[in-house]
Amino acid sequence: MTASLAELQEHFEATIARRARIEPRDWMPDAYRATLVRQVAQHAHSEVIGMQPEGNWITRAPSLRRKARPRRVAARAPRRRAARNRSPRARPAT
């Protein structure tokens, strides 16, 4: 005896309303299962990355704002380079 889709959906909704546990082999809507699989995959990925030495670096990766900063600094680089390449005679004595 197979239950209709409406009965399965109703049973699923009742299980959620009771705050009961949904087991992996229980029937659930396809969108719910897809979201659940995605969340489990993200959690597993974060667990793996957390164990790797570069895990700490990834959390400190530059933001877009921080990545934009070197462009402003790079604009000043030609002046610095010119000052650095001057001959020692041209530098004022201090």
PDB file of N, CA and C in Angstrom:
ATOM      1  N   MET A   1       0.845  -1.172   0.000  1.00  0.00           N
ATOM      2  CA  MET A   1       0.000   0.000   0.000  1.00  0.00           C
ATOM      3  C   MET A   1       0.898   1.246   0.000  1.00  0.00           C
ATOM      4  N   THR A   2       0.745   2.095  -0.983  1.00  0.00           N
ATOM      5  CA  THR A   2       1.543   3.308  -1.065  1.00  0.00           C
ATOM      6  C   THR A   2       0.678   4.509  -0.691  1.00  0.00           C
ATOM      7  N   ALA A   3       1.267   5.417   0.014  1.00  0.00           N
ATOM      8  CA  ALA A   3       0.556   6.621   0.426  1.00  0.00           C
ATOM      9  C   ALA A   3       0.622   7.640  -0.712  1.00  0.00           C
ATOM     10  N   SER A   4      -0.416   8.437  -0.792  1.00  0.00           N
ATOM     11  CA  SER A   4      -0.433   9.469  -1.836  1.00  0.00           C
ATOM     12  C   SER A   4       0.529  10.592  -1.446  1.00  0.00           C
ATOM     13  N   LEU A   5       0.862  11.405  -2.413  1.00  0.00           N
ATOM     14  CA  LEU A   5       1.775  12.522  -2.179  1.00  0.00           C
ATOM     15  C   LEU A   5       1.217  13.462  -1.117  1.00  0.00           C
ATOM     16  N   ALA A   6      -0.087  13.708  -1.147  1.00  0.00           N
ATOM     17  CA  ALA A   6      -0.715  14.599  -0.167  1.00  0.00           C
ATOM     18  C   ALA A   6      -0.589  14.013   1.246  1.00  0.00           C
ATOM     19  N   GLU A   7      -0.759  12.699   1.380  1.00  0.00           N
ATOM     20  CA  GLU A   7      -0.639  12.067   2.700  1.00  0.00           C
ATOM     21  C   GLU A   7       0.807  12.146   3.203  1.00  0.00           C
ATOM     22  N   LEU A   8       1.736  11.906   2.311  1.00  0.00           N
ATOM     23  CA  LEU A   8       3.143  11.987   2.694  1.00  0.00           C
ATOM     24  C   LEU A   8       3.510  13.409   3.136  1.00  0.00           C
ATOM     25  N   GLN A   9       3.031  14.386   2.377  1.00  0.00           N
ATOM     26  CA  GLN A   9       3.291  15.791   2.710  1.00  0.00           C
ATOM     27  C   GLN A   9       2.672  16.125   4.066  1.00  0.00           C
ATOM     28  N   GLU A  10       1.452  15.660   4.295  1.00  0.00           N
ATOM     29  CA  GLU A  10       0.765  15.919   5.564  1.00  0.00           C
ATOM     30  C   GLU A  10       1.525  15.287   6.735  1.00  0.00           C
ATOM     31  N   HIS A  11       1.988  14.051   6.545  1.00  0.00           N
ATOM     32  CA  HIS A  11       2.749  13.385   7.596  1.00  0.00           C
ATOM     33  C   HIS A  11       4.064  14.126   7.873  1.00  0.00           C
ATOM     34  N   PHE A  12       4.712  14.586   6.825  1.00  0.00           N
ATOM     35  CA  PHE A  12       5.960  15.338   6.963  1.00  0.00           C
ATOM     36  C   PHE A  12       5.718  16.632   7.745  1.00  0.00           C
ATOM     37  N   GLU A  13       4.673  17.360   7.374  1.00  0.00           N
ATOM     38  CA  GLU A  13       4.330  18.622   8.062  1.00  0.00           C
ATOM     39  C   GLU A  13       4.012  18.361   9.532  1.00  0.00           C
ATOM     40  N   ALA A  14       3.296  17.255   9.821  1.00  0.00           N
ATOM     41  CA  ALA A  14       2.956  16.925  11.205  1.00  0.00           C
ATOM     42  C   ALA A  14       4.218  16.596  12.000  1.00  0.00           C
ATOM     43  N   THR A  15       5.155  15.906  11.380  1.00  0.00           N
ATOM     44  CA  THR A  15       6.410  15.566  12.055  1.00  0.00           C
ATOM     45  C   THR A  15       7.188  16.833  12.395  1.00  0.00           C
ATOM     46  N   ILE A  16       7.216  17.765  11.481  1.00  0.00           N
ATOM     47  CA  ILE A  16       7.896  19.048  11.722  1.00  0.00           C
ATOM     48  C   ILE A  16       7.175  19.813  12.838  1.00  0.00           C
ATOM     49  N   ALA A  17       5.839  19.828  12.804  1.00  0.00           N
ATOM     50  CA  ALA A  17       5.062  20.546  13.823  1.00  0.00           C
ATOM     51  C   ALA A  17       5.314  19.968  15.216  1.00  0.00           C
ATOM     52  N   ARG A  18       5.522  18.664  15.302  1.00  0.00           N
ATOM     53  CA  ARG A  18       5.803  18.022  16.594  1.00  0.00           C
ATOM     54  C   ARG A  18       7.245  18.243  17.026  1.00  0.00           C
ATOM     55  N   ARG A  19       8.028  18.843  16.157  1.00  0.00           N
ATOM     56  CA  ARG A  19       9.461  19.037  16.382  1.00  0.00           C
ATOM     57  C   ARG A  19      10.169  17.697  16.569  1.00  0.00           C
ATOM     58  N   ALA A  20       9.676  16.695  15.868  1.00  0.00           N
ATOM     59  CA  ALA A  20      10.291  15.376  15.904  1.00  0.00           C
ATOM     60  C   ALA A  20      11.443  15.343  14.908  1.00  0.00           C
ATOM     61  N   ARG A  21      12.289  14.370  15.053  1.00  0.00           N
ATOM     62  CA  ARG A  21      13.464  14.235  14.188  1.00  0.00           C
ATOM     63  C   ARG A  21      13.056  13.670  12.827  1.00  0.00           C
ATOM     64  N   ILE A  22      13.606  14.250  11.776  1.00  0.00           N
ATOM     65  CA  ILE A  22      13.413  13.740  10.419  1.00  0.00           C
ATOM     66  C   ILE A  22      14.637  12.887  10.108  1.00  0.00           C
ATOM     67  N   GLU A  23      14.421  11.638   9.803  1.00  0.00           N
ATOM     68  CA  GLU A  23      15.520  10.725   9.509  1.00  0.00           C
ATOM     69  C   GLU A  23      15.823  10.752   8.006  1.00  0.00           C
ATOM     70  N   PRO A  24      17.047  10.413   7.622  1.00  0.00           N
ATOM     71  CA  PRO A  24      17.421  10.470   6.206  1.00  0.00           C
ATOM     72  C   PRO A  24      16.548   9.610   5.290  1.00  0.00           C
ATOM     73  N   ARG A  25      16.061   8.486   5.798  1.00  0.00           N
ATOM     74  CA  ARG A  25      15.241   7.610   4.941  1.00  0.00           C
ATOM     75  C   ARG A  25      13.760   7.970   4.958  1.00  0.00           C
ATOM     76  N   ASP A  26      13.380   8.919   5.800  1.00  0.00           N
ATOM     77  CA  ASP A  26      11.980   9.376   5.818  1.00  0.00           C
ATOM     78  C   ASP A  26      11.674  10.108   4.521  1.00  0.00           C
ATOM     79  N   TRP A  27      10.396  10.106   4.152  1.00  0.00           N
ATOM     80  CA  TRP A  27       9.998  10.866   2.965  1.00  0.00           C
ATOM     81  C   TRP A  27      10.089  12.349   3.297  1.00  0.00           C
ATOM     82  N   MET A  28      10.565  13.132   2.352  1.00  0.00           N
ATOM     83  CA  MET A  28      10.578  14.589   2.485  1.00  0.00           C
ATOM     84  C   MET A  28      10.499  15.198   1.089  1.00  0.00           C
ATOM     85  N   PRO A  29       9.973  16.401   0.998  1.00  0.00           N
ATOM     86  CA  PRO A  29       9.891  17.052  -0.314  1.00  0.00           C
ATOM     87  C   PRO A  29      11.285  17.192  -0.938  1.00  0.00           C
ATOM     88  N   ASP A  30      11.323  17.154  -2.247  1.00  0.00           N
ATOM     89  CA  ASP A  30      12.604  17.222  -2.960  1.00  0.00           C
ATOM     90  C   ASP A  30      13.381  18.492  -2.646  1.00  0.00           C
ATOM     91  N   ALA A  31      12.693  19.626  -2.561  1.00  0.00           N
ATOM     92  CA  ALA A  31      13.381  20.890  -2.275  1.00  0.00           C
ATOM     93  C   ALA A  31      13.979  20.872  -0.868  1.00  0.00           C
ATOM     94  N   TYR A  32      13.261  20.279   0.091  1.00  0.00           N
ATOM     95  CA  TYR A  32      13.755  20.174   1.469  1.00  0.00           C
ATOM     96  C   TYR A  32      15.005  19.299   1.495  1.00  0.00           C
ATOM     97  N   ARG A  33      14.964  18.170   0.802  1.00  0.00           N
ATOM     98  CA  ARG A  33      16.104  17.251   0.776  1.00  0.00           C
ATOM     99  C   ARG A  33      17.313  17.917   0.116  1.00  0.00           C
ATOM    100  N   ALA A  34      17.079  18.635  -0.974  1.00  0.00           N
ATOM    101  CA  ALA A  34      18.182  19.309  -1.668  1.00  0.00           C
ATOM    102  C   ALA A  34      18.831  20.358  -0.760  1.00  0.00           C
ATOM    103  N   THR A  35      18.021  21.113  -0.028  1.00  0.00           N
ATOM    104  CA  THR A  35      18.552  22.122   0.895  1.00  0.00           C
ATOM    105  C   THR A  35      19.328  21.458   2.016  1.00  0.00           C
ATOM    106  N   LEU A  36      18.796  20.371   2.533  1.00  0.00           N
ATOM    107  CA  LEU A  36      19.456  19.647   3.607  1.00  0.00           C
ATOM    108  C   LEU A  36      20.810  19.093   3.152  1.00  0.00           C
ATOM    109  N   VAL A  37      20.854  18.530   1.973  1.00  0.00           N
ATOM    110  CA  VAL A  37      22.108  17.992   1.439  1.00  0.00           C
ATOM    111  C   VAL A  37      23.128  19.115   1.258  1.00  0.00           C
ATOM    112  N   ARG A  38      22.672  20.273   0.770  1.00  0.00           N
ATOM    113  CA  ARG A  38      23.574  21.416   0.578  1.00  0.00           C
ATOM    114  C   ARG A  38      24.138  21.877   1.922  1.00  0.00           C
ATOM    115  N   GLN A  39      23.293  21.961   2.948  1.00  0.00           N
ATOM    116  CA  GLN A  39      23.753  22.403   4.265  1.00  0.00           C
ATOM    117  C   GLN A  39      24.749  21.413   4.873  1.00  0.00           C
ATOM    118  N   VAL A  40      24.475  20.137   4.721  1.00  0.00           N
ATOM    119  CA  VAL A  40      25.394  19.118   5.248  1.00  0.00           C
ATOM    120  C   VAL A  40      26.730  19.201   4.509  1.00  0.00           C
ATOM    121  N   ALA A  41      26.684  19.406   3.202  1.00  0.00           N
ATOM    122  CA  ALA A  41      27.916  19.519   2.419  1.00  0.00           C
ATOM    123  C   ALA A  41      28.724  20.742   2.843  1.00  0.00           C
ATOM    124  N   GLN A  42      28.050  21.868   3.096  1.00  0.00           N
ATOM    125  CA  GLN A  42      28.756  23.071   3.544  1.00  0.00           C
ATOM    126  C   GLN A  42      29.392  22.855   4.914  1.00  0.00           C
ATOM    127  N   HIS A  43      28.671  22.175   5.785  1.00  0.00           N
ATOM    128  CA  HIS A  43      29.207  21.908   7.116  1.00  0.00           C
ATOM    129  C   HIS A  43      30.436  20.998   7.019  1.00  0.00           C
ATOM    130  N   ALA A  44      30.347  19.963   6.201  1.00  0.00           N
ATOM    131  CA  ALA A  44      31.472  19.052   6.034  1.00  0.00           C
ATOM    132  C   ALA A  44      32.677  19.789   5.444  1.00  0.00           C
ATOM    133  N   HIS A  45      32.429  20.660   4.483  1.00  0.00           N
ATOM    134  CA  HIS A  45      33.505  21.429   3.867  1.00  0.00           C
ATOM    135  C   HIS A  45      34.196  22.314   4.912  1.00  0.00           C
ATOM    136  N   SER A  46      33.409  22.976   5.759  1.00  0.00           N
ATOM    137  CA  SER A  46      34.007  23.840   6.777  1.00  0.00           C
ATOM    138  C   SER A  46      34.784  23.022   7.801  1.00  0.00           C
ATOM    139  N   GLU A  47      34.337  21.814   8.090  1.00  0.00           N
ATOM    140  CA  GLU A  47      35.079  20.943   9.010  1.00  0.00           C
ATOM    141  C   GLU A  47      36.432  20.576   8.410  1.00  0.00           C
ATOM    142  N   VAL A  48      36.449  20.254   7.126  1.00  0.00           N
ATOM    143  CA  VAL A  48      37.697  19.865   6.471  1.00  0.00           C
ATOM    144  C   VAL A  48      38.643  21.051   6.378  1.00  0.00           C
ATOM    145  N   ILE A  49      38.144  22.191   5.969  1.00  0.00           N
ATOM    146  CA  ILE A  49      38.980  23.386   5.827  1.00  0.00           C
ATOM    147  C   ILE A  49      39.528  23.810   7.186  1.00  0.00           C
ATOM    148  N   GLY A  50      38.744  23.656   8.239  1.00  0.00           N
ATOM    149  CA  GLY A  50      39.195  24.032   9.572  1.00  0.00           C
ATOM    150  C   GLY A  50      40.395  23.229  10.031  1.00  0.00           C
ATOM    151  N   MET A  51      40.564  22.032   9.528  1.00  0.00           N
ATOM    152  CA  MET A  51      41.694  21.195   9.937  1.00  0.00           C
ATOM    153  C   MET A  51      42.954  21.484   9.130  1.00  0.00           C
ATOM    154  N   GLN A  52      42.829  22.187   8.029  1.00  0.00           N
ATOM    155  CA  GLN A  52      43.989  22.446   7.185  1.00  0.00           C
ATOM    156  C   GLN A  52      44.730  23.686   7.677  1.00  0.00           C
ATOM    157  N   PRO A  53      46.021  23.744   7.478  1.00  0.00           N
ATOM    158  CA  PRO A  53      46.783  24.891   7.981  1.00  0.00           C
ATOM    159  C   PRO A  53      46.344  26.223   7.381  1.00  0.00           C
ATOM    160  N   GLU A  54      45.866  26.205   6.140  1.00  0.00           N
ATOM    161  CA  GLU A  54      45.432  27.471   5.541  1.00  0.00           C
ATOM    162  C   GLU A  54      44.017  27.840   5.938  1.00  0.00           C
ATOM    163  N   GLY A  55      43.392  27.056   6.795  1.00  0.00           N
ATOM    164  CA  GLY A  55      42.033  27.353   7.246  1.00  0.00           C
ATOM    165  C   GLY A  55      41.938  28.716   7.900  1.00  0.00           C
ATOM    166  N   ASN A  56      42.939  29.092   8.706  1.00  0.00           N
ATOM    167  CA  ASN A  56      42.925  30.409   9.349  1.00  0.00           C
ATOM    168  C   ASN A  56      43.118  31.519   8.337  1.00  0.00           C
ATOM    169  N   TRP A  57      43.922  31.263   7.320  1.00  0.00           N
ATOM    170  CA  TRP A  57      44.167  32.310   6.334  1.00  0.00           C
ATOM    171  C   TRP A  57      42.908  32.619   5.539  1.00  0.00           C
ATOM    172  N   ILE A  58      42.123  31.582   5.233  1.00  0.00           N
ATOM    173  CA  ILE A  58      40.936  31.783   4.410  1.00  0.00           C
ATOM    174  C   ILE A  58      39.980  32.766   5.078  1.00  0.00           C
ATOM    175  N   THR A  59      39.870  32.716   6.399  1.00  0.00           N
ATOM    176  CA  THR A  59      38.967  33.646   7.085  1.00  0.00           C
ATOM    177  C   THR A  59      39.504  35.070   7.043  1.00  0.00           C
ATOM    178  N   ARG A  60      40.795  35.233   6.791  1.00  0.00           N
ATOM    179  CA  ARG A  60      41.379  36.572   6.734  1.00  0.00           C
ATOM    180  C   ARG A  60      41.671  37.001   5.303  1.00  0.00           C
ATOM    181  N   ALA A  61      41.075  36.328   4.347  1.00  0.00           N
ATOM    182  CA  ALA A  61      41.288  36.693   2.943  1.00  0.00           C
ATOM    183  C   ALA A  61      40.832  38.134   2.734  1.00  0.00           C
ATOM    184  N   PRO A  62      41.481  38.860   1.848  1.00  0.00           N
ATOM    185  CA  PRO A  62      41.159  40.277   1.691  1.00  0.00           C
ATOM    186  C   PRO A  62      39.740  40.507   1.183  1.00  0.00           C
ATOM    187  N   SER A  63      39.095  41.476   1.782  1.00  0.00           N
ATOM    188  CA  SER A  63      37.765  41.857   1.324  1.00  0.00           C
ATOM    189  C   SER A  63      37.923  42.715   0.059  1.00  0.00           C
ATOM    190  N   LEU A  64      36.821  43.049  -0.559  1.00  0.00           N
ATOM    191  CA  LEU A  64      36.901  43.911  -1.746  1.00  0.00           C
ATOM    192  C   LEU A  64      37.469  45.273  -1.377  1.00  0.00           C
ATOM    193  N   ARG A  65      37.117  45.768  -0.196  1.00  0.00           N
ATOM    194  CA  ARG A  65      37.630  47.069   0.238  1.00  0.00           C
ATOM    195  C   ARG A  65      39.149  46.992   0.437  1.00  0.00           C
ATOM    196  N   ARG A  66      39.598  45.897   1.056  1.00  0.00           N
ATOM    197  CA  ARG A  66      41.028  45.737   1.294  1.00  0.00           C
ATOM    198  C   ARG A  66      41.779  45.500  -0.003  1.00  0.00           C
ATOM    199  N   LYS A  67      41.139  44.819  -0.960  1.00  0.00           N
ATOM    200  CA  LYS A  67      41.799  44.578  -2.237  1.00  0.00           C
ATOM    201  C   LYS A  67      41.927  45.874  -3.038  1.00  0.00           C
ATOM    202  N   ALA A  68      41.062  46.837  -2.800  1.00  0.00           N
ATOM    203  CA  ALA A  68      41.105  48.092  -3.539  1.00  0.00           C
ATOM    204  C   ALA A  68      42.219  48.996  -3.021  1.00  0.00           C
ATOM    205  N   ARG A  69      42.642  48.811  -1.777  1.00  0.00           N
ATOM    206  CA  ARG A  69      43.676  49.654  -1.179  1.00  0.00           C
ATOM    207  C   ARG A  69      44.996  49.650  -1.936  1.00  0.00           C
ATOM    208  N   PRO A  70      45.539  48.518  -2.351  1.00  0.00           N
ATOM    209  CA  PRO A  70      46.845  48.548  -3.037  1.00  0.00           C
ATOM    210  C   PRO A  70      46.845  49.388  -4.304  1.00  0.00           C
ATOM    211  N   ARG A  71      45.712  49.567  -4.926  1.00  0.00           N
ATOM    212  CA  ARG A  71      45.680  50.398  -6.136  1.00  0.00           C
ATOM    213  C   ARG A  71      46.060  51.834  -5.811  1.00  0.00           C
ATOM    214  N   ARG A  72      45.566  52.342  -4.687  1.00  0.00           N
ATOM    215  CA  ARG A  72      45.916  53.702  -4.300  1.00  0.00           C
ATOM    216  C   ARG A  72      47.388  53.782  -3.920  1.00  0.00           C
ATOM    217  N   VAL A  73      47.889  52.778  -3.242  1.00  0.00           N
ATOM    218  CA  VAL A  73      49.295  52.744  -2.870  1.00  0.00           C
ATOM    219  C   VAL A  73      50.152  52.617  -4.122  1.00  0.00           C
ATOM    220  N   ALA A  74      49.708  51.822  -5.083  1.00  0.00           N
ATOM    221  CA  ALA A  74      50.469  51.631  -6.312  1.00  0.00           C
ATOM    222  C   ALA A  74      50.576  52.935  -7.103  1.00  0.00           C
ATOM    223  N   ALA A  75      49.614  53.821  -6.960  1.00  0.00           N
ATOM    224  CA  ALA A  75      49.675  55.097  -7.672  1.00  0.00           C
ATOM    225  C   ALA A  75      50.831  55.943  -7.152  1.00  0.00           C
ATOM    226  N   ARG A  76      51.222  55.749  -5.879  1.00  0.00           N
ATOM    227  CA  ARG A  76      52.336  56.509  -5.314  1.00  0.00           C
ATOM    228  C   ARG A  76      53.684  55.847  -5.611  1.00  0.00           C
ATOM    229  N   ALA A  77      53.674  54.633  -6.073  1.00  0.00           N
ATOM    230  CA  ALA A  77      54.910  53.877  -6.284  1.00  0.00           C
ATOM    231  C   ALA A  77      55.885  54.560  -7.250  1.00  0.00           C
ATOM    232  N   PRO A  78      55.441  55.161  -8.369  1.00  0.00           N
ATOM    233  CA  PRO A  78      56.420  55.783  -9.272  1.00  0.00           C
ATOM    234  C   PRO A  78      57.217  56.892  -8.583  1.00  0.00           C
ATOM    235  N   ARG A  79      56.582  57.680  -7.697  1.00  0.00           N
ATOM    236  CA  ARG A  79      57.312  58.737  -7.000  1.00  0.00           C
ATOM    237  C   ARG A  79      58.362  58.141  -6.069  1.00  0.00           C
ATOM    238  N   ARG A  80      57.982  57.094  -5.372  1.00  0.00           N
ATOM    239  CA  ARG A  80      58.928  56.437  -4.470  1.00  0.00           C
ATOM    240  C   ARG A  80      60.101  55.861  -5.259  1.00  0.00           C
ATOM    241  N   ARG A  81      59.773  55.229  -6.393  1.00  0.00           N
ATOM    242  CA  ARG A  81      60.804  54.622  -7.211  1.00  0.00           C
ATOM    243  C   ARG A  81      61.769  55.697  -7.724  1.00  0.00           C
ATOM    244  N   ALA A  82      61.226  56.830  -8.128  1.00  0.00           N
ATOM    245  CA  ALA A  82      62.071  57.917  -8.628  1.00  0.00           C
ATOM    246  C   ALA A  82      62.976  58.444  -7.525  1.00  0.00           C
ATOM    247  N   ALA A  83      62.435  58.583  -6.327  1.00  0.00           N
ATOM    248  CA  ALA A  83      63.237  59.064  -5.206  1.00  0.00           C
ATOM    249  C   ALA A  83      64.315  58.048  -4.842  1.00  0.00           C
ATOM    250  N   ARG A  84      63.998  56.790  -4.923  1.00  0.00           N
ATOM    251  CA  ARG A  84      64.954  55.750  -4.564  1.00  0.00           C
ATOM    252  C   ARG A  84      66.080  55.652  -5.603  1.00  0.00           C
ATOM    253  N   ASN A  85      65.773  55.951  -6.849  1.00  0.00           N
ATOM    254  CA  ASN A  85      66.752  55.799  -7.920  1.00  0.00           C
ATOM    255  C   ASN A  85      67.628  57.037  -8.117  1.00  0.00           C
ATOM    256  N   ARG A  86      67.396  58.073  -7.339  1.00  0.00           N
ATOM    257  CA  ARG A  86      68.239  59.264  -7.458  1.00  0.00           C
ATOM    258  C   ARG A  86      69.659  58.940  -7.014  1.00  0.00           C
ATOM    259  N   SER A  87      70.585  59.662  -7.558  1.00  0.00           N
ATOM    260  CA  SER A  87      71.979  59.430  -7.167  1.00  0.00           C
ATOM    261  C   SER A  87      72.196  59.970  -5.759  1.00  0.00           C
ATOM    262  N   PRO A  88      73.161  59.453  -5.046  1.00  0.00           N
ATOM    263  CA  PRO A  88      73.406  59.913  -3.661  1.00  0.00           C
ATOM    264  C   PRO A  88      73.759  61.388  -3.602  1.00  0.00           C
ATOM    265  N   ARG A  89      74.342  61.930  -4.664  1.00  0.00           N
ATOM    266  CA  ARG A  89      74.697  63.339  -4.660  1.00  0.00           C
ATOM    267  C   ARG A  89      73.484  64.245  -4.655  1.00  0.00           C
ATOM    268  N   ALA A  90      72.387  63.791  -5.248  1.00  0.00           N
ATOM    269  CA  ALA A  90      71.206  64.628  -5.348  1.00  0.00           C
ATOM    270  C   ALA A  90      70.423  64.678  -4.032  1.00  0.00           C
ATOM    271  N   ARG A  91      70.701  63.756  -3.109  1.00  0.00           N
ATOM    272  CA  ARG A  91      69.981  63.746  -1.840  1.00  0.00           C
ATOM    273  C   ARG A  91      70.528  64.848  -0.922  1.00  0.00           C
ATOM    274  N   PRO A  92      69.621  65.521  -0.261  1.00  0.00           N
ATOM    275  CA  PRO A  92      70.094  66.588   0.672  1.00  0.00           C
ATOM    276  C   PRO A  92      70.740  65.924   1.890  1.00  0.00           C
ATOM    277  N   ALA A  93      71.729  66.602   2.418  1.00  0.00           N
ATOM    278  CA  ALA A  93      72.437  66.094   3.602  1.00  0.00           C
ATOM    279  C   ALA A  93      71.564  66.298   4.827  1.00  0.00           C
ATOM    280  N   THR A  94      71.543  65.301   5.670  1.00  0.00           N
ATOM    281  CA  THR A  94      70.752  65.447   6.908  1.00  0.00           C
ATOM    282  C   THR A  94      71.639  65.408   8.110  1.00  0.00           C
TER     283      THR A  94
END
